[in-house]
Amino acid sequence: MPIDTLRRALIFVVLCLAQALVFNHIHLFGYATVLLYVYFVVMLPRNYPRWAALLWSFAMGLCVDMFSNTPGMASASLTLTAFIQPSLLELFVPRESPENMKSSVSTLGYAKFLTLAFILVLIHCLVFFTIESFGFFNWLHWSLSIVGTTLLTLLLLMTLESVRR
């Protein structure tokens, strides 16, 4: 088994446990919840097989769904985010970059990585909270949840990325 698969599996377990044991119990102002498991999709390397990315992200979402009692919400939104990630990543990487380049602050630069992470986290939160509300009966709560969770997740994601370097 390649070391990259073992490393990815370890990150999978750590992010899933962190989400289930810590971040699911933190709700700032009743709106913002950290969804750090999105970092798993953000850091997928360039030209990673799409089928593998979709499989990993669906499995991650399914684990989060089981621990969070959110049936299908995390798996659907994370799978969609993983489907969009390769196309979005191609907009930010230089043409002469290596085929297996990992998306990080050190390879993309701070501004490009922040923009990429922001778009991916926003897409994930938009789909996640739209599925949760399944109707816009309280659009203020819906929009505050999306904005608060996106900003809080992005803040923690960038903190984790700065530690990772």
N, C-alpha and C. Protein backbone atom coordinates (compact mmCIF):
# COMPACT_ATOMS: atom_id res chain seq x y z
N MET A 1 0.85 -1.18 0.00
CA MET A 1 0.00 0.00 0.00
C MET A 1 0.89 1.24 0.00
N PRO A 2 0.69 2.14 -0.92
CA PRO A 2 1.53 3.34 -1.00
C PRO A 2 1.40 4.22 0.24
N ILE A 3 2.46 4.91 0.52
CA ILE A 3 2.50 5.78 1.70
C ILE A 3 1.48 6.92 1.57
N ASP A 4 1.20 7.36 0.34
CA ASP A 4 0.23 8.43 0.14
C ASP A 4 -1.17 8.00 0.57
N THR A 5 -1.52 6.76 0.29
CA THR A 5 -2.84 6.25 0.69
C THR A 5 -2.94 6.13 2.20
N LEU A 6 -1.86 5.69 2.84
CA LEU A 6 -1.85 5.62 4.30
C LEU A 6 -1.96 7.00 4.93
N ARG A 7 -1.25 7.95 4.36
CA ARG A 7 -1.31 9.33 4.87
C ARG A 7 -2.71 9.90 4.71
N ARG A 8 -3.32 9.64 3.55
CA ARG A 8 -4.69 10.13 3.31
C ARG A 8 -5.68 9.46 4.26
N ALA A 9 -5.50 8.18 4.53
CA ALA A 9 -6.38 7.47 5.46
C ALA A 9 -6.23 8.00 6.88
N LEU A 10 -5.00 8.33 7.28
CA LEU A 10 -4.77 8.90 8.60
C LEU A 10 -5.42 10.28 8.73
N ILE A 11 -5.28 11.11 7.71
CA ILE A 11 -5.93 12.42 7.72
C ILE A 11 -7.44 12.27 7.75
N PHE A 12 -7.95 11.28 7.02
CA PHE A 12 -9.38 10.97 7.01
C PHE A 12 -9.88 10.68 8.42
N VAL A 13 -9.19 9.80 9.11
CA VAL A 13 -9.60 9.41 10.47
C VAL A 13 -9.50 10.58 11.43
N VAL A 14 -8.41 11.34 11.36
CA VAL A 14 -8.21 12.47 12.27
C VAL A 14 -9.29 13.53 12.06
N LEU A 15 -9.56 13.89 10.80
CA LEU A 15 -10.58 14.91 10.54
C LEU A 15 -11.98 14.43 10.92
N CYS A 16 -12.26 13.17 10.67
CA CYS A 16 -13.57 12.63 11.03
C CYS A 16 -13.77 12.62 12.55
N LEU A 17 -12.76 12.18 13.28
CA LEU A 17 -12.85 12.18 14.74
C LEU A 17 -12.90 13.59 15.32
N ALA A 18 -12.11 14.49 14.75
CA ALA A 18 -12.13 15.88 15.24
C ALA A 18 -13.51 16.50 15.03
N GLN A 19 -14.11 16.23 13.87
CA GLN A 19 -15.43 16.77 13.60
C GLN A 19 -16.47 16.17 14.54
N ALA A 20 -16.41 14.87 14.72
CA ALA A 20 -17.43 14.19 15.53
C ALA A 20 -17.29 14.48 17.02
N LEU A 21 -16.07 14.54 17.51
CA LEU A 21 -15.87 14.67 18.95
C LEU A 21 -15.75 16.11 19.44
N VAL A 22 -15.29 17.01 18.58
CA VAL A 22 -15.05 18.38 19.03
C VAL A 22 -15.95 19.39 18.32
N PHE A 23 -15.83 19.48 17.01
CA PHE A 23 -16.43 20.59 16.28
C PHE A 23 -17.95 20.51 16.15
N ASN A 24 -18.52 19.33 16.26
CA ASN A 24 -19.99 19.23 16.21
C ASN A 24 -20.64 19.82 17.45
N HIS A 25 -19.88 20.02 18.50
CA HIS A 25 -20.44 20.53 19.75
C HIS A 25 -20.20 22.03 19.92
N ILE A 26 -19.61 22.67 18.94
CA ILE A 26 -19.33 24.11 18.99
C ILE A 26 -20.27 24.81 18.02
N HIS A 27 -21.14 25.66 18.55
CA HIS A 27 -22.07 26.43 17.74
C HIS A 27 -21.98 27.89 18.19
N LEU A 28 -21.29 28.71 17.43
CA LEU A 28 -21.15 30.11 17.79
C LEU A 28 -22.43 30.87 17.45
N PHE A 29 -23.00 31.51 18.43
CA PHE A 29 -24.21 32.33 18.31
C PHE A 29 -25.39 31.54 17.74
N GLY A 30 -25.34 30.24 17.79
CA GLY A 30 -26.42 29.41 17.26
C GLY A 30 -26.42 29.27 15.75
N TYR A 31 -25.44 29.84 15.08
CA TYR A 31 -25.40 29.81 13.62
C TYR A 31 -24.16 29.11 13.07
N ALA A 32 -23.01 29.47 13.56
CA ALA A 32 -21.75 29.03 12.96
C ALA A 32 -21.23 27.75 13.62
N THR A 33 -20.98 26.76 12.80
CA THR A 33 -20.39 25.50 13.23
C THR A 33 -19.20 25.23 12.34
N VAL A 34 -18.11 24.81 12.92
CA VAL A 34 -16.92 24.50 12.12
C VAL A 34 -17.13 23.18 11.39
N LEU A 35 -16.95 23.19 10.09
CA LEU A 35 -17.02 21.99 9.26
C LEU A 35 -15.63 21.74 8.68
N LEU A 36 -14.71 21.35 9.54
CA LEU A 36 -13.31 21.25 9.16
C LEU A 36 -13.03 20.10 8.20
N TYR A 37 -13.91 19.13 8.11
CA TYR A 37 -13.67 17.99 7.23
C TYR A 37 -13.61 18.39 5.76
N VAL A 38 -14.04 19.59 5.42
CA VAL A 38 -13.95 20.09 4.04
C VAL A 38 -12.47 20.23 3.64
N TYR A 39 -11.60 20.38 4.61
CA TYR A 39 -10.16 20.49 4.36
C TYR A 39 -9.64 19.26 3.62
N PHE A 40 -10.27 18.12 3.83
CA PHE A 40 -9.87 16.89 3.15
C PHE A 40 -10.00 17.05 1.64
N VAL A 41 -11.04 17.72 1.17
CA VAL A 41 -11.26 17.93 -0.26
C VAL A 41 -10.39 19.07 -0.77
N VAL A 42 -10.21 20.10 0.04
CA VAL A 42 -9.42 21.25 -0.39
C VAL A 42 -7.98 20.85 -0.68
N MET A 43 -7.43 19.93 0.09
CA MET A 43 -6.02 19.58 -0.08
C MET A 43 -5.77 18.42 -1.04
N LEU A 44 -6.78 18.00 -1.78
CA LEU A 44 -6.56 16.96 -2.79
C LEU A 44 -5.58 17.45 -3.85
N PRO A 45 -4.64 16.59 -4.27
CA PRO A 45 -3.64 17.04 -5.25
C PRO A 45 -4.22 17.18 -6.65
N ARG A 46 -3.46 17.88 -7.47
CA ARG A 46 -3.83 18.07 -8.87
C ARG A 46 -3.76 16.73 -9.59
N ASN A 47 -4.66 16.51 -10.52
CA ASN A 47 -4.75 15.28 -11.32
C ASN A 47 -4.94 14.04 -10.48
N TYR A 48 -5.51 14.16 -9.30
CA TYR A 48 -5.89 13.00 -8.50
C TYR A 48 -7.08 12.37 -9.21
N PRO A 49 -7.15 11.05 -9.31
CA PRO A 49 -8.27 10.43 -10.03
C PRO A 49 -9.63 10.88 -9.47
N ARG A 50 -10.48 11.32 -10.36
CA ARG A 50 -11.77 11.87 -9.93
C ARG A 50 -12.60 10.83 -9.20
N TRP A 51 -12.56 9.59 -9.67
CA TRP A 51 -13.34 8.53 -9.02
C TRP A 51 -12.86 8.33 -7.58
N ALA A 52 -11.54 8.43 -7.35
CA ALA A 52 -11.00 8.25 -6.01
C ALA A 52 -11.38 9.43 -5.12
N ALA A 53 -11.33 10.63 -5.68
CA ALA A 53 -11.72 11.82 -4.90
C ALA A 53 -13.19 11.75 -4.49
N LEU A 54 -14.03 11.31 -5.41
CA LEU A 54 -15.46 11.19 -5.09
C LEU A 54 -15.70 10.09 -4.06
N LEU A 55 -14.97 9.01 -4.18
CA LEU A 55 -15.12 7.91 -3.22
C LEU A 55 -14.66 8.31 -1.83
N TRP A 56 -13.48 8.94 -1.75
CA TRP A 56 -12.95 9.41 -0.45
C TRP A 56 -13.91 10.42 0.18
N SER A 57 -14.38 11.37 -0.62
CA SER A 57 -15.24 12.42 -0.06
C SER A 57 -16.60 11.87 0.35
N PHE A 58 -17.14 10.92 -0.42
CA PHE A 58 -18.40 10.32 -0.01
C PHE A 58 -18.23 9.55 1.30
N ALA A 59 -17.12 8.83 1.42
CA ALA A 59 -16.86 8.07 2.66
C ALA A 59 -16.68 9.02 3.85
N MET A 60 -15.98 10.12 3.63
CA MET A 60 -15.80 11.10 4.70
C MET A 60 -17.14 11.69 5.10
N GLY A 61 -17.94 12.08 4.11
CA GLY A 61 -19.26 12.62 4.41
C GLY A 61 -20.16 11.62 5.11
N LEU A 62 -20.06 10.36 4.72
CA LEU A 62 -20.87 9.33 5.35
C LEU A 62 -20.47 9.11 6.81
N CYS A 63 -19.17 9.13 7.08
CA CYS A 63 -18.71 9.02 8.48
C CYS A 63 -19.18 10.20 9.31
N VAL A 64 -19.07 11.39 8.76
CA VAL A 64 -19.54 12.58 9.48
C VAL A 64 -21.04 12.51 9.68
N ASP A 65 -21.76 12.06 8.67
CA ASP A 65 -23.22 11.92 8.81
C ASP A 65 -23.60 10.95 9.91
N MET A 66 -22.88 9.83 9.99
CA MET A 66 -23.20 8.85 11.03
C MET A 66 -22.96 9.40 12.43
N PHE A 67 -21.87 10.14 12.62
CA PHE A 67 -21.56 10.68 13.94
C PHE A 67 -22.35 11.93 14.27
N SER A 68 -22.83 12.64 13.27
CA SER A 68 -23.49 13.93 13.49
C SER A 68 -25.00 13.86 13.41
N ASN A 69 -25.54 12.71 13.04
CA ASN A 69 -26.97 12.55 12.87
C ASN A 69 -27.52 13.53 11.83
N THR A 70 -26.82 13.64 10.72
CA THR A 70 -27.25 14.47 9.59
C THR A 70 -27.35 13.56 8.38
N PRO A 71 -28.44 12.84 8.22
CA PRO A 71 -28.51 11.79 7.21
C PRO A 71 -28.36 12.29 5.77
N GLY A 72 -27.20 12.04 5.19
CA GLY A 72 -26.95 12.36 3.80
C GLY A 72 -26.52 13.77 3.50
N MET A 73 -26.60 14.67 4.46
CA MET A 73 -26.29 16.07 4.19
C MET A 73 -24.80 16.27 3.93
N ALA A 74 -23.96 15.76 4.80
CA ALA A 74 -22.52 15.94 4.64
C ALA A 74 -22.00 15.15 3.44
N SER A 75 -22.50 13.95 3.24
CA SER A 75 -22.01 13.14 2.13
C SER A 75 -22.39 13.74 0.78
N ALA A 76 -23.59 14.26 0.66
CA ALA A 76 -24.01 14.87 -0.59
C ALA A 76 -23.23 16.16 -0.87
N SER A 77 -23.11 17.00 0.12
CA SER A 77 -22.43 18.28 -0.10
C SER A 77 -20.93 18.10 -0.29
N LEU A 78 -20.31 17.16 0.42
CA LEU A 78 -18.88 16.94 0.26
C LEU A 78 -18.56 16.26 -1.07
N THR A 79 -19.43 15.38 -1.53
CA THR A 79 -19.23 14.74 -2.83
C THR A 79 -19.35 15.76 -3.95
N LEU A 80 -20.30 16.67 -3.86
CA LEU A 80 -20.41 17.73 -4.86
C LEU A 80 -19.18 18.63 -4.83
N THR A 81 -18.71 18.95 -3.65
CA THR A 81 -17.51 19.79 -3.52
C THR A 81 -16.30 19.09 -4.14
N ALA A 82 -16.17 17.79 -3.92
CA ALA A 82 -15.06 17.04 -4.51
C ALA A 82 -15.18 16.94 -6.02
N PHE A 83 -16.40 16.94 -6.53
CA PHE A 83 -16.61 16.91 -7.97
C PHE A 83 -16.17 18.22 -8.62
N ILE A 84 -16.37 19.33 -7.94
CA ILE A 84 -16.03 20.65 -8.47
C ILE A 84 -14.55 20.98 -8.27
N GLN A 85 -13.92 20.42 -7.25
CA GLN A 85 -12.56 20.79 -6.86
C GLN A 85 -11.51 20.70 -7.97
N PRO A 86 -11.44 19.63 -8.78
CA PRO A 86 -10.39 19.58 -9.81
C PRO A 86 -10.52 20.69 -10.86
N SER A 87 -11.73 20.97 -11.28
CA SER A 87 -11.93 22.03 -12.27
C SER A 87 -11.58 23.39 -11.69
N LEU A 88 -11.93 23.60 -10.45
CA LEU A 88 -11.63 24.87 -9.80
C LEU A 88 -10.14 25.02 -9.53
N LEU A 89 -9.49 23.92 -9.16
CA LEU A 89 -8.05 23.96 -8.89
C LEU A 89 -7.27 24.32 -10.14
N GLU A 90 -7.71 23.86 -11.30
CA GLU A 90 -7.02 24.17 -12.55
C GLU A 90 -7.02 25.66 -12.86
N LEU A 91 -7.98 26.40 -12.33
CA LEU A 91 -8.01 27.85 -12.53
C LEU A 91 -6.93 28.56 -11.74
N PHE A 92 -6.43 27.93 -10.68
CA PHE A 92 -5.50 28.59 -9.77
C PHE A 92 -4.05 28.13 -9.91
N VAL A 93 -3.81 26.98 -10.51
CA VAL A 93 -2.43 26.48 -10.60
C VAL A 93 -1.76 27.02 -11.86
N PRO A 94 -0.46 27.30 -11.78
CA PRO A 94 0.27 27.71 -12.97
C PRO A 94 0.37 26.55 -13.96
N ARG A 95 0.50 26.85 -15.22
CA ARG A 95 0.55 25.80 -16.26
C ARG A 95 1.77 24.92 -16.13
N GLU A 96 2.88 25.47 -15.70
CA GLU A 96 4.12 24.69 -15.61
C GLU A 96 4.27 23.94 -14.29
N SER A 97 3.23 23.90 -13.49
CA SER A 97 3.31 23.19 -12.21
C SER A 97 3.27 21.67 -12.45
N PRO A 98 3.83 20.90 -11.52
CA PRO A 98 3.86 19.45 -11.69
C PRO A 98 2.45 18.84 -11.66
N GLU A 99 2.33 17.67 -12.25
CA GLU A 99 1.03 17.01 -12.36
C GLU A 99 0.45 16.58 -11.01
N ASN A 100 1.30 16.25 -10.05
CA ASN A 100 0.82 15.77 -8.75
C ASN A 100 0.97 16.82 -7.65
N MET A 101 0.91 18.09 -8.01
CA MET A 101 1.07 19.19 -7.06
C MET A 101 -0.09 19.20 -6.06
N LYS A 102 0.24 19.32 -4.79
CA LYS A 102 -0.78 19.39 -3.75
C LYS A 102 -1.17 20.85 -3.54
N SER A 103 -2.43 21.08 -3.33
CA SER A 103 -2.88 22.45 -3.11
C SER A 103 -2.60 22.84 -1.66
N SER A 104 -1.78 23.85 -1.51
CA SER A 104 -1.44 24.37 -0.19
C SER A 104 -0.98 25.80 -0.35
N VAL A 105 -0.76 26.47 0.76
CA VAL A 105 -0.28 27.85 0.72
C VAL A 105 1.11 27.92 0.12
N SER A 106 1.95 26.93 0.41
CA SER A 106 3.32 26.95 -0.10
C SER A 106 3.39 26.73 -1.61
N THR A 107 2.46 26.01 -2.20
CA THR A 107 2.50 25.77 -3.64
C THR A 107 1.69 26.78 -4.45
N LEU A 108 0.58 27.24 -3.92
CA LEU A 108 -0.28 28.17 -4.65
C LEU A 108 -0.05 29.63 -4.29
N GLY A 109 0.43 29.87 -3.10
CA GLY A 109 0.51 31.23 -2.61
C GLY A 109 -0.69 31.50 -1.72
N TYR A 110 -0.54 32.47 -0.84
CA TYR A 110 -1.57 32.73 0.15
C TYR A 110 -2.89 33.17 -0.48
N ALA A 111 -2.84 34.13 -1.40
CA ALA A 111 -4.08 34.67 -1.97
C ALA A 111 -4.83 33.64 -2.80
N LYS A 112 -4.13 32.89 -3.63
CA LYS A 112 -4.79 31.89 -4.47
C LYS A 112 -5.36 30.75 -3.63
N PHE A 113 -4.61 30.31 -2.63
CA PHE A 113 -5.12 29.22 -1.78
C PHE A 113 -6.32 29.69 -0.98
N LEU A 114 -6.26 30.89 -0.46
CA LEU A 114 -7.39 31.44 0.30
C LEU A 114 -8.63 31.54 -0.58
N THR A 115 -8.47 32.00 -1.81
CA THR A 115 -9.60 32.11 -2.73
C THR A 115 -10.17 30.74 -3.07
N LEU A 116 -9.29 29.78 -3.37
CA LEU A 116 -9.73 28.42 -3.67
C LEU A 116 -10.47 27.80 -2.49
N ALA A 117 -9.90 27.92 -1.30
CA ALA A 117 -10.52 27.37 -0.10
C ALA A 117 -11.85 28.06 0.18
N PHE A 118 -11.90 29.37 0.00
CA PHE A 118 -13.14 30.10 0.25
C PHE A 118 -14.26 29.62 -0.67
N ILE A 119 -13.96 29.47 -1.95
CA ILE A 119 -14.98 29.04 -2.90
C ILE A 119 -15.47 27.63 -2.57
N LEU A 120 -14.53 26.73 -2.28
CA LEU A 120 -14.92 25.35 -1.97
C LEU A 120 -15.72 25.25 -0.67
N VAL A 121 -15.31 25.97 0.35
CA VAL A 121 -16.03 25.95 1.62
C VAL A 121 -17.41 26.60 1.46
N LEU A 122 -17.48 27.66 0.68
CA LEU A 122 -18.77 28.32 0.45
C LEU A 122 -19.73 27.40 -0.30
N ILE A 123 -19.24 26.70 -1.31
CA ILE A 123 -20.09 25.75 -2.05
C ILE A 123 -20.59 24.66 -1.10
N HIS A 124 -19.67 24.14 -0.29
CA HIS A 124 -20.05 23.08 0.64
C HIS A 124 -21.10 23.57 1.63
N CYS A 125 -20.89 24.72 2.22
CA CYS A 125 -21.84 25.25 3.20
C CYS A 125 -23.18 25.60 2.56
N LEU A 126 -23.15 26.13 1.36
CA LEU A 126 -24.38 26.47 0.66
C LEU A 126 -25.23 25.22 0.41
N VAL A 127 -24.60 24.16 -0.07
CA VAL A 127 -25.34 22.91 -0.32
C VAL A 127 -25.76 22.27 1.00
N PHE A 128 -24.87 22.25 1.98
CA PHE A 128 -25.16 21.62 3.26
C PHE A 128 -26.37 22.26 3.94
N PHE A 129 -26.38 23.58 4.05
CA PHE A 129 -27.46 24.25 4.76
C PHE A 129 -28.74 24.35 3.93
N THR A 130 -28.62 24.28 2.61
CA THR A 130 -29.82 24.23 1.77
C THR A 130 -30.51 22.88 1.95
N ILE A 131 -29.73 21.81 2.00
CA ILE A 131 -30.32 20.49 2.25
C ILE A 131 -30.90 20.45 3.66
N GLU A 132 -30.23 21.08 4.61
CA GLU A 132 -30.72 21.07 5.99
C GLU A 132 -32.06 21.79 6.11
N SER A 133 -32.17 22.93 5.48
CA SER A 133 -33.43 23.68 5.60
C SER A 133 -34.50 23.12 4.67
N PHE A 134 -34.11 22.58 3.52
CA PHE A 134 -34.98 21.95 2.54
C PHE A 134 -36.19 22.82 2.21
N GLY A 135 -35.98 24.09 2.25
CA GLY A 135 -37.01 25.08 1.97
C GLY A 135 -36.56 26.34 2.66
N PHE A 136 -36.83 27.45 2.10
CA PHE A 136 -36.30 28.69 2.66
C PHE A 136 -37.31 29.35 3.59
N PHE A 137 -37.77 28.59 4.59
CA PHE A 137 -38.77 29.11 5.50
C PHE A 137 -38.19 30.19 6.42
N ASN A 138 -36.93 30.08 6.76
CA ASN A 138 -36.27 31.09 7.59
C ASN A 138 -34.97 31.47 6.89
N TRP A 139 -35.06 32.33 5.89
CA TRP A 139 -33.91 32.65 5.06
C TRP A 139 -32.83 33.38 5.84
N LEU A 140 -33.17 34.11 6.89
CA LEU A 140 -32.17 34.81 7.68
C LEU A 140 -31.29 33.82 8.44
N HIS A 141 -31.91 32.83 9.07
CA HIS A 141 -31.14 31.78 9.76
C HIS A 141 -30.28 31.01 8.76
N TRP A 142 -30.84 30.72 7.60
CA TRP A 142 -30.13 30.00 6.54
C TRP A 142 -28.90 30.78 6.08
N SER A 143 -29.08 32.06 5.80
CA SER A 143 -27.96 32.87 5.29
C SER A 143 -26.92 33.14 6.38
N LEU A 144 -27.34 33.36 7.61
CA LEU A 144 -26.38 33.55 8.69
C LEU A 144 -25.59 32.27 8.98
N SER A 145 -26.24 31.14 8.84
CA SER A 145 -25.55 29.87 9.03
C SER A 145 -24.50 29.66 7.95
N ILE A 146 -24.84 29.98 6.72
CA ILE A 146 -23.88 29.82 5.62
C ILE A 146 -22.70 30.76 5.80
N VAL A 147 -22.96 32.02 6.05
CA VAL A 147 -21.87 33.01 6.18
C VAL A 147 -21.02 32.71 7.41
N GLY A 148 -21.66 32.48 8.55
CA GLY A 148 -20.90 32.22 9.78
C GLY A 148 -20.07 30.96 9.71
N THR A 149 -20.66 29.89 9.20
CA THR A 149 -19.93 28.63 9.10
C THR A 149 -18.81 28.73 8.09
N THR A 150 -19.05 29.41 6.97
CA THR A 150 -17.99 29.57 5.97
C THR A 150 -16.81 30.33 6.54
N LEU A 151 -17.07 31.44 7.20
CA LEU A 151 -15.97 32.24 7.74
C LEU A 151 -15.24 31.53 8.87
N LEU A 152 -15.97 30.88 9.75
CA LEU A 152 -15.34 30.16 10.86
C LEU A 152 -14.53 28.96 10.36
N THR A 153 -15.07 28.23 9.41
CA THR A 153 -14.35 27.09 8.84
C THR A 153 -13.11 27.56 8.10
N LEU A 154 -13.24 28.64 7.35
CA LEU A 154 -12.09 29.18 6.62
C LEU A 154 -11.00 29.67 7.56
N LEU A 155 -11.38 30.28 8.65
CA LEU A 155 -10.41 30.74 9.64
C LEU A 155 -9.63 29.56 10.23
N LEU A 156 -10.34 28.53 10.60
CA LEU A 156 -9.68 27.35 11.17
C LEU A 156 -8.87 26.60 10.12
N LEU A 157 -9.37 26.56 8.90
CA LEU A 157 -8.66 25.91 7.81
C LEU A 157 -7.33 26.61 7.54
N MET A 158 -7.34 27.93 7.50
CA MET A 158 -6.10 28.68 7.25
C MET A 158 -5.14 28.56 8.44
N THR A 159 -5.67 28.45 9.65
CA THR A 159 -4.83 28.21 10.82
C THR A 159 -4.16 26.86 10.72
N LEU A 160 -4.92 25.85 10.36
CA LEU A 160 -4.39 24.51 10.17
C LEU A 160 -3.36 24.46 9.04
N GLU A 161 -3.62 25.21 7.99
CA GLU A 161 -2.68 25.26 6.87
C GLU A 161 -1.37 25.94 7.25
N SER A 162 -1.44 26.96 8.10
CA SER A 162 -0.21 27.63 8.53
C SER A 162 0.61 26.74 9.46
N VAL A 163 -0.06 25.89 10.23
CA VAL A 163 0.64 24.94 11.09
C VAL A 163 1.24 23.81 10.27
N ARG A 164 0.54 23.42 9.21
CA ARG A 164 0.97 22.31 8.35
C ARG A 164 2.29 22.59 7.65
N ARG A 165 2.56 23.85 7.32
CA ARG A 165 3.79 24.19 6.61
C ARG A 165 4.93 23.93 7.50
